[in-house]
Amino acid sequence: MSPIFKCLICRKDIERSTKTFWIKKGHLLCSTCLDNIEKNTKETKSKI
């Protein structure tokens, strides 16, 4: 079973491997927050 970490933005509990935690240096995001960041990035690029 993978450990439970907190999303960096919304603080939801997310299950990720310890390997992923170390690769991301503790900066883990839930899928919802990650999708929102990607969506905002695409919108910003399309405005330029």
PDB file of N, CA and C in Angstrom:
ATOM      1  N   MET A   1       0.840  -1.187   0.000  1.00  0.00           N
ATOM      2  CA  MET A   1       0.000   0.000   0.000  1.00  0.00           C
ATOM      3  C   MET A   1       0.883   1.248   0.000  1.00  0.00           C
ATOM      4  N   SER A   2       0.542   2.198  -0.844  1.00  0.00           N
ATOM      5  CA  SER A   2       1.312   3.441  -0.951  1.00  0.00           C
ATOM      6  C   SER A   2       0.976   4.381   0.200  1.00  0.00           C
ATOM      7  N   PRO A   3       1.951   5.181   0.610  1.00  0.00           N
ATOM      8  CA  PRO A   3       1.689   6.144   1.692  1.00  0.00           C
ATOM      9  C   PRO A   3       0.751   7.267   1.251  1.00  0.00           C
ATOM     10  N   ILE A   4       0.179   7.933   2.232  1.00  0.00           N
ATOM     11  CA  ILE A   4      -0.737   9.046   1.993  1.00  0.00           C
ATOM     12  C   ILE A   4       0.020  10.357   2.203  1.00  0.00           C
ATOM     13  N   PHE A   5      -0.066  11.236   1.212  1.00  0.00           N
ATOM     14  CA  PHE A   5       0.545  12.556   1.295  1.00  0.00           C
ATOM     15  C   PHE A   5      -0.550  13.599   1.133  1.00  0.00           C
ATOM     16  N   LYS A   6      -0.223  14.848   1.384  1.00  0.00           N
ATOM     17  CA  LYS A   6      -1.165  15.960   1.212  1.00  0.00           C
ATOM     18  C   LYS A   6      -0.840  16.693  -0.087  1.00  0.00           C
ATOM     19  N   CYS A   7      -1.898  17.070  -0.811  1.00  0.00           N
ATOM     20  CA  CYS A   7      -1.734  17.906  -1.995  1.00  0.00           C
ATOM     21  C   CYS A   7      -1.174  19.251  -1.543  1.00  0.00           C
ATOM     22  N   LEU A   8      -0.237  19.773  -2.285  1.00  0.00           N
ATOM     23  CA  LEU A   8       0.431  21.018  -1.921  1.00  0.00           C
ATOM     24  C   LEU A   8      -0.521  22.214  -1.957  1.00  0.00           C
ATOM     25  N   ILE A   9      -1.556  22.170  -2.789  1.00  0.00           N
ATOM     26  CA  ILE A   9      -2.462  23.306  -2.949  1.00  0.00           C
ATOM     27  C   ILE A   9      -3.708  23.167  -2.082  1.00  0.00           C
ATOM     28  N   CYS A  10      -4.453  22.080  -2.264  1.00  0.00           N
ATOM     29  CA  CYS A  10      -5.752  21.968  -1.588  1.00  0.00           C
ATOM     30  C   CYS A  10      -5.699  21.129  -0.308  1.00  0.00           C
ATOM     31  N   ARG A  11      -4.575  20.508  -0.041  1.00  0.00           N
ATOM     32  CA  ARG A  11      -4.357  19.711   1.176  1.00  0.00           C
ATOM     33  C   ARG A  11      -5.193  18.433   1.234  1.00  0.00           C
ATOM     34  N   LYS A  12      -5.732  17.972   0.109  1.00  0.00           N
ATOM     35  CA  LYS A  12      -6.440  16.691   0.072  1.00  0.00           C
ATOM     36  C   LYS A  12      -5.437  15.566   0.286  1.00  0.00           C
ATOM     37  N   ASP A  13      -5.916  14.465   0.839  1.00  0.00           N
ATOM     38  CA  ASP A  13      -5.079  13.281   0.969  1.00  0.00           C
ATOM     39  C   ASP A  13      -4.966  12.607  -0.388  1.00  0.00           C
ATOM     40  N   ILE A  14      -3.727  12.326  -0.801  1.00  0.00           N
ATOM     41  CA  ILE A  14      -3.505  11.612  -2.056  1.00  0.00           C
ATOM     42  C   ILE A  14      -2.544  10.465  -1.800  1.00  0.00           C
ATOM     43  N   GLU A  15      -2.732   9.399  -2.530  1.00  0.00           N
ATOM     44  CA  GLU A  15      -1.903   8.219  -2.378  1.00  0.00           C
ATOM     45  C   GLU A  15      -0.875   8.210  -3.501  1.00  0.00           C
ATOM     46  N   ARG A  16       0.384   8.282  -3.149  1.00  0.00           N
ATOM     47  CA  ARG A  16       1.476   8.260  -4.121  1.00  0.00           C
ATOM     48  C   ARG A  16       2.602   7.400  -3.569  1.00  0.00           C
ATOM     49  N   SER A  17       3.437   6.920  -4.459  1.00  0.00           N
ATOM     50  CA  SER A  17       4.573   6.119  -4.016  1.00  0.00           C
ATOM     51  C   SER A  17       5.630   7.026  -3.394  1.00  0.00           C
ATOM     52  N   THR A  18       6.418   6.445  -2.521  1.00  0.00           N
ATOM     53  CA  THR A  18       7.511   7.196  -1.902  1.00  0.00           C
ATOM     54  C   THR A  18       8.513   7.631  -2.964  1.00  0.00           C
ATOM     55  N   LYS A  19       8.712   6.803  -3.990  1.00  0.00           N
ATOM     56  CA  LYS A  19       9.628   7.142  -5.084  1.00  0.00           C
ATOM     57  C   LYS A  19       9.174   8.429  -5.777  1.00  0.00           C
ATOM     58  N   THR A  20       7.873   8.530  -6.054  1.00  0.00           N
ATOM     59  CA  THR A  20       7.324   9.743  -6.676  1.00  0.00           C
ATOM     60  C   THR A  20       7.528  10.947  -5.769  1.00  0.00           C
ATOM     61  N   PHE A  21       7.327  10.756  -4.475  1.00  0.00           N
ATOM     62  CA  PHE A  21       7.528  11.834  -3.509  1.00  0.00           C
ATOM     63  C   PHE A  21       8.946  12.385  -3.611  1.00  0.00           C
ATOM     64  N   TRP A  22       9.939  11.502  -3.672  1.00  0.00           N
ATOM     65  CA  TRP A  22      11.334  11.956  -3.730  1.00  0.00           C
ATOM     66  C   TRP A  22      11.676  12.547  -5.090  1.00  0.00           C
ATOM     67  N   ILE A  23      11.119  11.991  -6.170  1.00  0.00           N
ATOM     68  CA  ILE A  23      11.372  12.542  -7.508  1.00  0.00           C
ATOM     69  C   ILE A  23      10.839  13.969  -7.604  1.00  0.00           C
ATOM     70  N   LYS A  24       9.650  14.189  -7.057  1.00  0.00           N
ATOM     71  CA  LYS A  24       9.018  15.512  -7.086  1.00  0.00           C
ATOM     72  C   LYS A  24       9.482  16.407  -5.936  1.00  0.00           C
ATOM     73  N   LYS A  25      10.390  15.906  -5.117  1.00  0.00           N
ATOM     74  CA  LYS A  25      10.937  16.641  -3.967  1.00  0.00           C
ATOM     75  C   LYS A  25       9.839  17.128  -3.023  1.00  0.00           C
ATOM     76  N   GLY A  26       8.811  16.290  -2.854  1.00  0.00           N
ATOM     77  CA  GLY A  26       7.741  16.599  -1.912  1.00  0.00           C
ATOM     78  C   GLY A  26       6.651  17.495  -2.457  1.00  0.00           C
ATOM     79  N   HIS A  27       6.785  17.931  -3.709  1.00  0.00           N
ATOM     80  CA  HIS A  27       5.789  18.825  -4.302  1.00  0.00           C
ATOM     81  C   HIS A  27       4.743  18.008  -5.049  1.00  0.00           C
ATOM     82  N   LEU A  28       3.851  17.380  -4.293  1.00  0.00           N
ATOM     83  CA  LEU A  28       2.834  16.529  -4.892  1.00  0.00           C
ATOM     84  C   LEU A  28       1.511  17.272  -5.013  1.00  0.00           C
ATOM     85  N   LEU A  29       0.839  17.060  -6.148  1.00  0.00           N
ATOM     86  CA  LEU A  29      -0.458  17.681  -6.395  1.00  0.00           C
ATOM     87  C   LEU A  29      -1.480  16.602  -6.705  1.00  0.00           C
ATOM     88  N   CYS A  30      -2.719  16.839  -6.294  1.00  0.00           N
ATOM     89  CA  CYS A  30      -3.798  15.925  -6.668  1.00  0.00           C
ATOM     90  C   CYS A  30      -4.121  16.162  -8.145  1.00  0.00           C
ATOM     91  N   SER A  31      -4.849  15.246  -8.746  1.00  0.00           N
ATOM     92  CA  SER A  31      -5.145  15.358 -10.174  1.00  0.00           C
ATOM     93  C   SER A  31      -5.989  16.588 -10.499  1.00  0.00           C
ATOM     94  N   THR A  32      -6.882  16.975  -9.594  1.00  0.00           N
ATOM     95  CA  THR A  32      -7.726  18.150  -9.823  1.00  0.00           C
ATOM     96  C   THR A  32      -6.883  19.421  -9.902  1.00  0.00           C
ATOM     97  N   CYS A  33      -5.990  19.604  -8.955  1.00  0.00           N
ATOM     98  CA  CYS A  33      -5.132  20.799  -8.952  1.00  0.00           C
ATOM     99  C   CYS A  33      -4.191  20.794 -10.151  1.00  0.00           C
ATOM    100  N   LEU A  34      -3.670  19.630 -10.498  1.00  0.00           N
ATOM    101  CA  LEU A  34      -2.782  19.526 -11.651  1.00  0.00           C
ATOM    102  C   LEU A  34      -3.524  19.881 -12.939  1.00  0.00           C
ATOM    103  N   ASP A  35      -4.759  19.403 -13.084  1.00  0.00           N
ATOM    104  CA  ASP A  35      -5.578  19.741 -14.257  1.00  0.00           C
ATOM    105  C   ASP A  35      -5.859  21.237 -14.320  1.00  0.00           C
ATOM    106  N   ASN A  36      -6.150  21.854 -13.182  1.00  0.00           N
ATOM    107  CA  ASN A  36      -6.420  23.296 -13.148  1.00  0.00           C
ATOM    108  C   ASN A  36      -5.193  24.096 -13.560  1.00  0.00           C
ATOM    109  N   ILE A  37      -4.029  23.693 -13.121  1.00  0.00           N
ATOM    110  CA  ILE A  37      -2.790  24.387 -13.493  1.00  0.00           C
ATOM    111  C   ILE A  37      -2.557  24.264 -14.994  1.00  0.00           C
ATOM    112  N   GLU A  38      -2.721  23.057 -15.530  1.00  0.00           N
ATOM    113  CA  GLU A  38      -2.521  22.853 -16.967  1.00  0.00           C
ATOM    114  C   GLU A  38      -3.524  23.661 -17.785  1.00  0.00           C
ATOM    115  N   LYS A  39      -4.767  23.698 -17.337  1.00  0.00           N
ATOM    116  CA  LYS A  39      -5.808  24.456 -18.044  1.00  0.00           C
ATOM    117  C   LYS A  39      -5.468  25.946 -18.045  1.00  0.00           C
ATOM    118  N   ASN A  40      -5.057  26.475 -16.896  1.00  0.00           N
ATOM    119  CA  ASN A  40      -4.707  27.893 -16.804  1.00  0.00           C
ATOM    120  C   ASN A  40      -3.485  28.219 -17.646  1.00  0.00           C
ATOM    121  N   THR A  41      -2.537  27.313 -17.717  1.00  0.00           N
ATOM    122  CA  THR A  41      -1.337  27.528 -18.525  1.00  0.00           C
ATOM    123  C   THR A  41      -1.701  27.594 -20.008  1.00  0.00           C
ATOM    124  N   LYS A  42      -2.563  26.703 -20.453  1.00  0.00           N
ATOM    125  CA  LYS A  42      -2.986  26.701 -21.859  1.00  0.00           C
ATOM    126  C   LYS A  42      -3.766  27.961 -22.200  1.00  0.00           C
ATOM    127  N   GLU A  43      -4.629  28.418 -21.296  1.00  0.00           N
ATOM    128  CA  GLU A  43      -5.404  29.637 -21.533  1.00  0.00           C
ATOM    129  C   GLU A  43      -4.487  30.850 -21.626  1.00  0.00           C
ATOM    130  N   THR A  44      -3.480  30.905 -20.780  1.00  0.00           N
ATOM    131  CA  THR A  44      -2.540  32.024 -20.787  1.00  0.00           C
ATOM    132  C   THR A  44      -1.748  32.048 -22.088  1.00  0.00           C
ATOM    133  N   LYS A  45      -1.299  30.884 -22.549  1.00  0.00           N
ATOM    134  CA  LYS A  45      -0.524  30.818 -23.787  1.00  0.00           C
ATOM    135  C   LYS A  45      -1.369  31.197 -24.996  1.00  0.00           C
ATOM    136  N   SER A  46      -2.650  30.861 -24.987  1.00  0.00           N
ATOM    137  CA  SER A  46      -3.507  31.185 -26.126  1.00  0.00           C
ATOM    138  C   SER A  46      -3.812  32.680 -26.198  1.00  0.00           C
ATOM    139  N   LYS A  47      -3.718  33.391 -25.084  1.00  0.00           N
ATOM    140  CA  LYS A  47      -3.972  34.836 -25.067  1.00  0.00           C
ATOM    141  C   LYS A  47      -2.784  35.627 -25.606  1.00  0.00           C
ATOM    142  N   ILE A  48      -1.621  35.019 -25.588  1.00  0.00           N
ATOM    143  CA  ILE A  48      -0.409  35.741 -26.025  1.00  0.00           C
ATOM    144  C   ILE A  48      -0.310  35.787 -27.526  1.00  0.00           C
TER     145      ILE A  48
END
